[in-house]
Amino acid sequence: MDPFIHLQFLRKFLLVLPGVTEGISHGNTPAFYVQKKFLARLWETGDVLVVRTDERDKWISTDPEVFFFTDHYRDYPTVLVNLELVEPAMLEQLLIEAWKGRASKTLLKQYQ
C-alpha cells in the first residue's frame, strides 16, 4: 500500500484526539505528539509505525508478524507495527491506548 495512504489514515484518526499534533521526527519522517510528547512516527519507508507504549509485550503476543521490535528499540518503550498487515481496528486500539498513556488528565477528560 502507498505510504501516503497510511499517513492519511493516521492523520484522520490521531489528529482528532485531544492534544495531538503532527510534526517531524528523525529529520524528515511524519510524527505525532501529545502535548509535545512523542506518540508515534512512520519509518522512512512508510510501511512501519513506531508507537510509544509500555505494553509492547502485550501487543507482540497478539500477533508477532504485525507487532514487533528490532534491536534498536529493545530498550525503548515502543512497539513497531507492520502497516501492511495490521487490521485497522487493532491499530486504532493500540493508538488510543498509547494516547491515553501520554495524555494529561485534562486531555483524558476531554476524550470521555
C-alpha atoms as a PDB file:
ATOM      1  CA  MET A   1       0.000   0.000   0.000  1.00  0.00           C
ATOM      2  CA  ASP A   2       1.124   3.538  -0.663  1.00  0.00           C
ATOM      3  CA  PRO A   3       2.789   5.150   2.413  1.00  0.00           C
ATOM      4  CA  PHE A   4       0.673   8.245   1.761  1.00  0.00           C
ATOM      5  CA  ILE A   5      -2.459   6.153   2.434  1.00  0.00           C
ATOM      6  CA  HIS A   6      -1.013   5.094   5.802  1.00  0.00           C
ATOM      7  CA  LEU A   7      -0.234   8.701   6.659  1.00  0.00           C
ATOM      8  CA  GLN A   8      -3.740   9.835   5.693  1.00  0.00           C
ATOM      9  CA  PHE A   9      -5.266   7.130   7.919  1.00  0.00           C
ATOM     10  CA  LEU A  10      -3.048   8.176  10.831  1.00  0.00           C
ATOM     11  CA  ARG A  11      -3.870  11.846  10.373  1.00  0.00           C
ATOM     12  CA  LYS A  12      -7.600  11.181  10.177  1.00  0.00           C
ATOM     13  CA  PHE A  13      -7.530   9.062  13.308  1.00  0.00           C
ATOM     14  CA  LEU A  14      -4.943  10.767  15.510  1.00  0.00           C
ATOM     15  CA  LEU A  15      -5.481  14.454  14.868  1.00  0.00           C
ATOM     16  CA  VAL A  16      -8.999  14.322  16.311  1.00  0.00           C
ATOM     17  CA  LEU A  17      -7.665  13.127  19.681  1.00  0.00           C
ATOM     18  CA  PRO A  18      -7.275  15.981  22.179  1.00  0.00           C
ATOM     19  CA  GLY A  19      -3.777  17.467  22.299  1.00  0.00           C
ATOM     20  CA  VAL A  20      -2.379  15.572  19.294  1.00  0.00           C
ATOM     21  CA  THR A  21      -0.253  17.471  16.811  1.00  0.00           C
ATOM     22  CA  GLU A  22       1.705  16.414  13.767  1.00  0.00           C
ATOM     23  CA  GLY A  23       5.371  17.162  13.345  1.00  0.00           C
ATOM     24  CA  ILE A  24       8.614  15.706  12.084  1.00  0.00           C
ATOM     25  CA  SER A  25      10.917  13.178  13.726  1.00  0.00           C
ATOM     26  CA  HIS A  26      14.349  11.892  12.780  1.00  0.00           C
ATOM     27  CA  GLY A  27      14.874  14.660  10.274  1.00  0.00           C
ATOM     28  CA  ASN A  28      12.073  14.026   7.836  1.00  0.00           C
ATOM     29  CA  THR A  29       9.568  11.401   8.951  1.00  0.00           C
ATOM     30  CA  PRO A  30       5.983  12.309   9.875  1.00  0.00           C
ATOM     31  CA  ALA A  31       5.369  12.003  13.599  1.00  0.00           C
ATOM     32  CA  PHE A  32       2.591  12.618  16.085  1.00  0.00           C
ATOM     33  CA  TYR A  33       2.857  14.101  19.555  1.00  0.00           C
ATOM     34  CA  VAL A  34       0.624  14.598  22.588  1.00  0.00           C
ATOM     35  CA  GLN A  35       1.464  17.914  24.249  1.00  0.00           C
ATOM     36  CA  LYS A  36       4.939  17.742  22.680  1.00  0.00           C
ATOM     37  CA  LYS A  37       5.485  14.176  23.974  1.00  0.00           C
ATOM     38  CA  PHE A  38       6.274  11.573  21.313  1.00  0.00           C
ATOM     39  CA  LEU A  39       3.362   9.291  20.399  1.00  0.00           C
ATOM     40  CA  ALA A  40       4.110   7.701  17.013  1.00  0.00           C
ATOM     41  CA  ARG A  41       6.132   8.118  13.833  1.00  0.00           C
ATOM     42  CA  LEU A  42       6.416   6.486  10.454  1.00  0.00           C
ATOM     43  CA  TRP A  43       9.610   4.812   9.363  1.00  0.00           C
ATOM     44  CA  GLU A  44      11.295   6.353   6.359  1.00  0.00           C
ATOM     45  CA  THR A  45       9.881   3.518   4.234  1.00  0.00           C
ATOM     46  CA  GLY A  46       6.343   4.436   5.313  1.00  0.00           C
ATOM     47  CA  ASP A  47       5.282   0.833   5.958  1.00  0.00           C
ATOM     48  CA  VAL A  48       6.172   0.604   9.664  1.00  0.00           C
ATOM     49  CA  LEU A  49       4.835   2.718  12.508  1.00  0.00           C
ATOM     50  CA  VAL A  50       6.774   3.258  15.741  1.00  0.00           C
ATOM     51  CA  VAL A  51       4.347   3.645  18.658  1.00  0.00           C
ATOM     52  CA  ARG A  52       5.247   4.722  22.190  1.00  0.00           C
ATOM     53  CA  THR A  53       3.723   2.167  24.581  1.00  0.00           C
ATOM     54  CA  ASP A  54       4.549   0.442  27.850  1.00  0.00           C
ATOM     55  CA  GLU A  55       2.539  -2.574  26.644  1.00  0.00           C
ATOM     56  CA  ARG A  56       4.902  -3.862  23.942  1.00  0.00           C
ATOM     57  CA  ASP A  57       4.805  -7.495  25.097  1.00  0.00           C
ATOM     58  CA  LYS A  58       1.012  -7.492  25.128  1.00  0.00           C
ATOM     59  CA  TRP A  59       0.865  -6.315  21.519  1.00  0.00           C
ATOM     60  CA  ILE A  60       3.569  -8.661  20.272  1.00  0.00           C
ATOM     61  CA  SER A  61       1.786 -11.614  21.869  1.00  0.00           C
ATOM     62  CA  THR A  62      -1.387 -10.802  19.899  1.00  0.00           C
ATOM     63  CA  ASP A  63       0.382 -11.129  16.526  1.00  0.00           C
ATOM     64  CA  PRO A  64       4.196 -11.130  16.233  1.00  0.00           C
ATOM     65  CA  GLU A  65       4.056 -10.648  12.459  1.00  0.00           C
ATOM     66  CA  VAL A  66       2.179  -7.375  12.903  1.00  0.00           C
ATOM     67  CA  PHE A  67       3.657  -6.110  16.199  1.00  0.00           C
ATOM     68  CA  PHE A  68       7.396  -6.445  16.759  1.00  0.00           C
ATOM     69  CA  PHE A  69      10.612  -4.621  17.652  1.00  0.00           C
ATOM     70  CA  THR A  70      14.185  -4.567  16.453  1.00  0.00           C
ATOM     71  CA  ASP A  71      17.377  -4.494  18.493  1.00  0.00           C
ATOM     72  CA  HIS A  72      17.496  -0.729  18.082  1.00  0.00           C
ATOM     73  CA  TYR A  73      14.209  -0.399  20.008  1.00  0.00           C
ATOM     74  CA  ARG A  74      14.966  -3.079  22.628  1.00  0.00           C
ATOM     75  CA  ASP A  75      15.479  -0.560  25.461  1.00  0.00           C
ATOM     76  CA  TYR A  76      12.727   1.834  24.435  1.00  0.00           C
ATOM     77  CA  PRO A  77       9.038   1.664  25.421  1.00  0.00           C
ATOM     78  CA  THR A  78       7.894   1.242  21.832  1.00  0.00           C
ATOM     79  CA  VAL A  79       6.358  -1.307  19.525  1.00  0.00           C
ATOM     80  CA  LEU A  80       6.724  -1.424  15.759  1.00  0.00           C
ATOM     81  CA  VAL A  81       3.634  -2.008  13.632  1.00  0.00           C
ATOM     82  CA  ASN A  82       3.670  -3.546  10.162  1.00  0.00           C
ATOM     83  CA  LEU A  83       1.145  -1.291   8.464  1.00  0.00           C
ATOM     84  CA  GLU A  84       0.762  -3.689   5.543  1.00  0.00           C
ATOM     85  CA  LEU A  85      -0.610  -6.415   7.846  1.00  0.00           C
ATOM     86  CA  VAL A  86      -2.346  -4.672  10.748  1.00  0.00           C
ATOM     87  CA  GLU A  87      -6.126  -4.642  10.930  1.00  0.00           C
ATOM     88  CA  PRO A  88      -7.393  -1.048  11.188  1.00  0.00           C
ATOM     89  CA  ALA A  89      -9.385  -1.816  14.350  1.00  0.00           C
ATOM     90  CA  MET A  90      -6.281  -3.212  16.070  1.00  0.00           C
ATOM     91  CA  LEU A  91      -4.239  -0.187  15.046  1.00  0.00           C
ATOM     92  CA  GLU A  92      -6.927   2.144  16.373  1.00  0.00           C
ATOM     93  CA  GLN A  93      -6.992   0.268  19.687  1.00  0.00           C
ATOM     94  CA  LEU A  94      -3.198   0.490  20.011  1.00  0.00           C
ATOM     95  CA  LEU A  95      -3.162   4.194  19.163  1.00  0.00           C
ATOM     96  CA  ILE A  96      -5.919   5.038  21.655  1.00  0.00           C
ATOM     97  CA  GLU A  97      -4.160   3.100  24.411  1.00  0.00           C
ATOM     98  CA  ALA A  98      -0.849   4.768  23.506  1.00  0.00           C
ATOM     99  CA  TRP A  99      -2.525   8.189  23.508  1.00  0.00           C
ATOM    100  CA  LYS A 100      -4.097   7.515  26.919  1.00  0.00           C
ATOM    101  CA  GLY A 101      -0.655   6.631  28.245  1.00  0.00           C
ATOM    102  CA  ARG A 102       0.739  10.019  27.151  1.00  0.00           C
ATOM    103  CA  ALA A 103      -2.225  12.358  27.647  1.00  0.00           C
ATOM    104  CA  SER A 104      -2.701  14.560  30.687  1.00  0.00           C
ATOM    105  CA  LYS A 105      -5.697  14.154  32.987  1.00  0.00           C
ATOM    106  CA  THR A 106      -7.248  17.237  31.391  1.00  0.00           C
ATOM    107  CA  LEU A 107      -6.969  15.727  27.911  1.00  0.00           C
ATOM    108  CA  LEU A 108      -8.320  12.399  29.122  1.00  0.00           C
ATOM    109  CA  LYS A 109     -11.408  14.185  30.456  1.00  0.00           C
ATOM    110  CA  GLN A 110     -11.893  15.867  27.063  1.00  0.00           C
ATOM    111  CA  TYR A 111     -11.857  12.464  25.374  1.00  0.00           C
ATOM    112  CA  GLN A 112     -14.533  10.914  27.573  1.00  0.00           C
END
